[in-house]
Amino acid sequence: SSVTNARMWRLTEAHNPDRMDKANWMSLARRVCDTDGALVLGQAQIGQIKEIQSYTADLDLFRTGILVPHVGFLLTMLCLFIFFVYMANELSDCLTFFEALLAIPRTLRRTSISRCTGALKLRSISILRLTLLILIL
């Protein structure tokens, strides 16, 4: 993965004394983090740093000067909102199913199903079967 590759690059190449800028005494890692445009080595890492910075930078709303918190933060909140709306819908469906189960007449004996105009109708449900359905819910 790219995280593993970045970690290996940092441990092997970024702090290697042979890759250090001897004129300014700056490591390759420091120059990459500063997005030094004069670098020959580390251009892929600079591209990754710029991508991370664009993801975490403040968003200028329609170029009006109104700054909105980080793009990544907004995307995360949007995804969480959609997830919670979906989960609320699922919970609502489960509660509706639970209400429907409780509305079925109960008997101590067997579940009773009858045919009514070509369709099956659940006339009553045994308490054991009802308990099992509620536990599965």
C-alpha atoms as a PDB file:
ATOM      1  CA  SER A   1       0.000   0.000   0.000  1.00  0.00           C
ATOM      2  CA  SER A   2       1.048   3.620  -0.369  1.00  0.00           C
ATOM      3  CA  VAL A   3       1.321   4.074   3.416  1.00  0.00           C
ATOM      4  CA  THR A   4       3.752   1.162   3.638  1.00  0.00           C
ATOM      5  CA  ASN A   5       5.706   2.501   0.665  1.00  0.00           C
ATOM      6  CA  ALA A   6       5.882   5.984   2.213  1.00  0.00           C
ATOM      7  CA  ARG A   7       7.084   4.528   5.520  1.00  0.00           C
ATOM      8  CA  MET A   8       9.771   2.441   3.785  1.00  0.00           C
ATOM      9  CA  TRP A   9      10.880   5.448   1.710  1.00  0.00           C
ATOM     10  CA  ARG A  10      11.139   7.584   4.874  1.00  0.00           C
ATOM     11  CA  LEU A  11      13.135   4.924   6.722  1.00  0.00           C
ATOM     12  CA  THR A  12      15.496   4.062   3.850  1.00  0.00           C
ATOM     13  CA  GLU A  13      15.889   7.019   1.478  1.00  0.00           C
ATOM     14  CA  ALA A  14      14.515  10.150   3.142  1.00  0.00           C
ATOM     15  CA  HIS A  15      17.002  10.246   6.017  1.00  0.00           C
ATOM     16  CA  ASN A  16      19.917   8.687   4.165  1.00  0.00           C
ATOM     17  CA  PRO A  17      23.002  10.947   4.589  1.00  0.00           C
ATOM     18  CA  ASP A  18      23.947  10.333   0.942  1.00  0.00           C
ATOM     19  CA  ARG A  19      20.679  11.990  -0.177  1.00  0.00           C
ATOM     20  CA  MET A  20      21.188  15.037   2.064  1.00  0.00           C
ATOM     21  CA  ASP A  21      21.590  18.523   0.566  1.00  0.00           C
ATOM     22  CA  LYS A  22      25.133  19.244   1.725  1.00  0.00           C
ATOM     23  CA  ALA A  23      24.940  22.973   0.941  1.00  0.00           C
ATOM     24  CA  ASN A  24      21.978  23.632   3.267  1.00  0.00           C
ATOM     25  CA  TRP A  25      22.300  20.585   5.530  1.00  0.00           C
ATOM     26  CA  MET A  26      18.723  19.538   4.816  1.00  0.00           C
ATOM     27  CA  SER A  27      17.617  15.944   4.549  1.00  0.00           C
ATOM     28  CA  LEU A  28      15.677  14.716   1.558  1.00  0.00           C
ATOM     29  CA  ALA A  29      12.657  14.269   3.857  1.00  0.00           C
ATOM     30  CA  ARG A  30      12.769  17.945   4.896  1.00  0.00           C
ATOM     31  CA  ARG A  31      13.020  19.094   1.289  1.00  0.00           C
ATOM     32  CA  VAL A  32      10.101  16.857   0.258  1.00  0.00           C
ATOM     33  CA  CYS A  33       7.976  18.148   3.151  1.00  0.00           C
ATOM     34  CA  ASP A  34       8.810  21.709   2.100  1.00  0.00           C
ATOM     35  CA  THR A  35       7.834  20.729  -1.489  1.00  0.00           C
ATOM     36  CA  ASP A  36      11.153  21.935  -2.834  1.00  0.00           C
ATOM     37  CA  GLY A  37      10.707  22.343  -6.589  1.00  0.00           C
ATOM     38  CA  ALA A  38      14.438  21.962  -7.272  1.00  0.00           C
ATOM     39  CA  LEU A  39      14.493  18.327  -6.205  1.00  0.00           C
ATOM     40  CA  VAL A  40      15.491  15.658  -8.678  1.00  0.00           C
ATOM     41  CA  LEU A  41      14.734  12.788  -6.298  1.00  0.00           C
ATOM     42  CA  GLY A  42      11.467  12.517  -4.412  1.00  0.00           C
ATOM     43  CA  GLN A  43       9.088  13.983  -6.998  1.00  0.00           C
ATOM     44  CA  ALA A  44       6.575  11.157  -6.429  1.00  0.00           C
ATOM     45  CA  GLN A  45       6.621  11.902  -2.696  1.00  0.00           C
ATOM     46  CA  ILE A  46       6.131  15.626  -3.344  1.00  0.00           C
ATOM     47  CA  GLY A  47       3.097  14.726  -5.472  1.00  0.00           C
ATOM     48  CA  GLN A  48       1.677  12.726  -2.572  1.00  0.00           C
ATOM     49  CA  ILE A  49       2.336  15.588  -0.130  1.00  0.00           C
ATOM     50  CA  LYS A  50       0.559  18.050  -2.457  1.00  0.00           C
ATOM     51  CA  GLU A  51      -2.398  15.652  -2.766  1.00  0.00           C
ATOM     52  CA  ILE A  52      -2.665  15.377   1.030  1.00  0.00           C
ATOM     53  CA  GLN A  53      -2.426  19.162   1.371  1.00  0.00           C
ATOM     54  CA  SER A  54      -5.198  19.697  -1.187  1.00  0.00           C
ATOM     55  CA  TYR A  55      -7.397  17.213   0.705  1.00  0.00           C
ATOM     56  CA  THR A  56      -6.803  18.864   4.076  1.00  0.00           C
ATOM     57  CA  ALA A  57      -6.774  22.487   2.906  1.00  0.00           C
ATOM     58  CA  ASP A  58      -9.617  24.880   3.649  1.00  0.00           C
ATOM     59  CA  LEU A  59     -12.204  25.103   0.882  1.00  0.00           C
ATOM     60  CA  ASP A  60     -12.858  28.533  -0.651  1.00  0.00           C
ATOM     61  CA  LEU A  61     -16.627  28.419  -1.183  1.00  0.00           C
ATOM     62  CA  PHE A  62     -17.287  29.345  -4.837  1.00  0.00           C
ATOM     63  CA  ARG A  63     -14.152  31.550  -4.768  1.00  0.00           C
ATOM     64  CA  THR A  64     -15.934  34.114  -2.596  1.00  0.00           C
ATOM     65  CA  GLY A  65     -13.345  34.194   0.166  1.00  0.00           C
ATOM     66  CA  ILE A  66     -15.643  32.332   2.559  1.00  0.00           C
ATOM     67  CA  LEU A  67     -13.482  29.554   3.944  1.00  0.00           C
ATOM     68  CA  VAL A  68     -15.152  26.296   4.897  1.00  0.00           C
ATOM     69  CA  PRO A  69     -13.327  23.682   7.019  1.00  0.00           C
ATOM     70  CA  HIS A  70     -11.213  21.055   5.317  1.00  0.00           C
ATOM     71  CA  VAL A  71     -12.505  19.292   2.224  1.00  0.00           C
ATOM     72  CA  GLY A  72     -11.685  15.949   3.815  1.00  0.00           C
ATOM     73  CA  PHE A  73     -13.667  16.867   6.912  1.00  0.00           C
ATOM     74  CA  LEU A  74     -16.693  17.842   4.812  1.00  0.00           C
ATOM     75  CA  LEU A  75     -16.518  14.632   2.788  1.00  0.00           C
ATOM     76  CA  THR A  76     -16.261  12.584   5.971  1.00  0.00           C
ATOM     77  CA  MET A  77     -19.256  14.355   7.521  1.00  0.00           C
ATOM     78  CA  LEU A  78     -21.274  13.849   4.325  1.00  0.00           C
ATOM     79  CA  CYS A  79     -20.473  10.126   4.283  1.00  0.00           C
ATOM     80  CA  LEU A  80     -21.363   9.793   7.972  1.00  0.00           C
ATOM     81  CA  PHE A  81     -24.633  11.670   7.436  1.00  0.00           C
ATOM     82  CA  ILE A  82     -25.615   9.359   4.562  1.00  0.00           C
ATOM     83  CA  PHE A  83     -24.645   6.320   6.654  1.00  0.00           C
ATOM     84  CA  PHE A  84     -26.725   7.461   9.641  1.00  0.00           C
ATOM     85  CA  VAL A  85     -29.749   8.249   7.430  1.00  0.00           C
ATOM     86  CA  TYR A  86     -29.474   4.760   5.929  1.00  0.00           C
ATOM     87  CA  MET A  87     -29.170   3.193   9.396  1.00  0.00           C
ATOM     88  CA  ALA A  88     -32.181   5.188  10.660  1.00  0.00           C
ATOM     89  CA  ASN A  89     -34.201   3.877   7.719  1.00  0.00           C
ATOM     90  CA  GLU A  90     -33.143   0.299   8.518  1.00  0.00           C
ATOM     91  CA  LEU A  91     -34.048   0.785  12.186  1.00  0.00           C
ATOM     92  CA  SER A  92     -37.433   2.176  11.162  1.00  0.00           C
ATOM     93  CA  ASP A  93     -38.037  -0.898   8.976  1.00  0.00           C
ATOM     94  CA  CYS A  94     -37.094  -3.193  11.882  1.00  0.00           C
ATOM     95  CA  LEU A  95     -39.504  -1.393  14.213  1.00  0.00           C
ATOM     96  CA  THR A  96     -42.299  -1.610  11.622  1.00  0.00           C
ATOM     97  CA  PHE A  97     -41.645  -5.349  11.268  1.00  0.00           C
ATOM     98  CA  PHE A  98     -41.696  -5.700  15.069  1.00  0.00           C
ATOM     99  CA  GLU A  99     -45.055  -3.891  15.227  1.00  0.00           C
ATOM    100  CA  ALA A 100     -46.433  -6.156  12.497  1.00  0.00           C
ATOM    101  CA  LEU A 101     -45.293  -9.240  14.421  1.00  0.00           C
ATOM    102  CA  LEU A 102     -47.039  -8.041  17.559  1.00  0.00           C
ATOM    103  CA  ALA A 103     -50.267  -7.368  15.615  1.00  0.00           C
ATOM    104  CA  ILE A 104     -50.596 -11.030  14.551  1.00  0.00           C
ATOM    105  CA  PRO A 105     -52.973 -13.003  16.796  1.00  0.00           C
ATOM    106  CA  ARG A 106     -51.085 -15.511  18.965  1.00  0.00           C
ATOM    107  CA  THR A 107     -51.902 -19.082  19.949  1.00  0.00           C
ATOM    108  CA  LEU A 108     -50.221 -21.587  22.213  1.00  0.00           C
ATOM    109  CA  ARG A 109     -50.408 -24.286  19.581  1.00  0.00           C
ATOM    110  CA  ARG A 110     -49.403 -24.208  15.956  1.00  0.00           C
ATOM    111  CA  THR A 111     -49.134 -21.343  13.494  1.00  0.00           C
ATOM    112  CA  SER A 112     -52.238 -21.193  11.311  1.00  0.00           C
ATOM    113  CA  ILE A 113     -52.067 -20.251   7.619  1.00  0.00           C
ATOM    114  CA  SER A 114     -55.096 -20.180   5.308  1.00  0.00           C
ATOM    115  CA  ARG A 115     -55.617 -19.564   1.602  1.00  0.00           C
ATOM    116  CA  CYS A 116     -57.779 -16.559   0.849  1.00  0.00           C
ATOM    117  CA  THR A 117     -58.548 -15.647  -2.806  1.00  0.00           C
ATOM    118  CA  GLY A 118     -55.349 -17.179  -4.112  1.00  0.00           C
ATOM    119  CA  ALA A 119     -53.114 -15.601  -1.460  1.00  0.00           C
ATOM    120  CA  LEU A 120     -51.852 -16.980   1.832  1.00  0.00           C
ATOM    121  CA  LYS A 121     -53.039 -15.361   5.050  1.00  0.00           C
ATOM    122  CA  LEU A 122     -51.399 -15.762   8.436  1.00  0.00           C
ATOM    123  CA  ARG A 123     -54.334 -16.274  10.781  1.00  0.00           C
ATOM    124  CA  SER A 124     -52.320 -16.826  13.975  1.00  0.00           C
ATOM    125  CA  ILE A 125     -48.758 -17.442  15.070  1.00  0.00           C
ATOM    126  CA  SER A 126     -47.493 -19.683  17.839  1.00  0.00           C
ATOM    127  CA  ILE A 127     -45.864 -17.989  20.796  1.00  0.00           C
ATOM    128  CA  LEU A 128     -42.691 -20.032  20.267  1.00  0.00           C
ATOM    129  CA  ARG A 129     -42.417 -18.944  16.615  1.00  0.00           C
ATOM    130  CA  LEU A 130     -43.140 -15.311  17.574  1.00  0.00           C
ATOM    131  CA  THR A 131     -40.416 -15.424  20.229  1.00  0.00           C
ATOM    132  CA  LEU A 132     -37.971 -16.870  17.709  1.00  0.00           C
ATOM    133  CA  LEU A 133     -38.761 -14.130  15.147  1.00  0.00           C
ATOM    134  CA  ILE A 134     -38.343 -11.418  17.775  1.00  0.00           C
ATOM    135  CA  LEU A 135     -34.971 -12.866  18.831  1.00  0.00           C
ATOM    136  CA  ILE A 136     -33.814 -12.968  15.203  1.00  0.00           C
ATOM    137  CA  LEU A 137     -34.924  -9.383  14.712  1.00  0.00           C
END
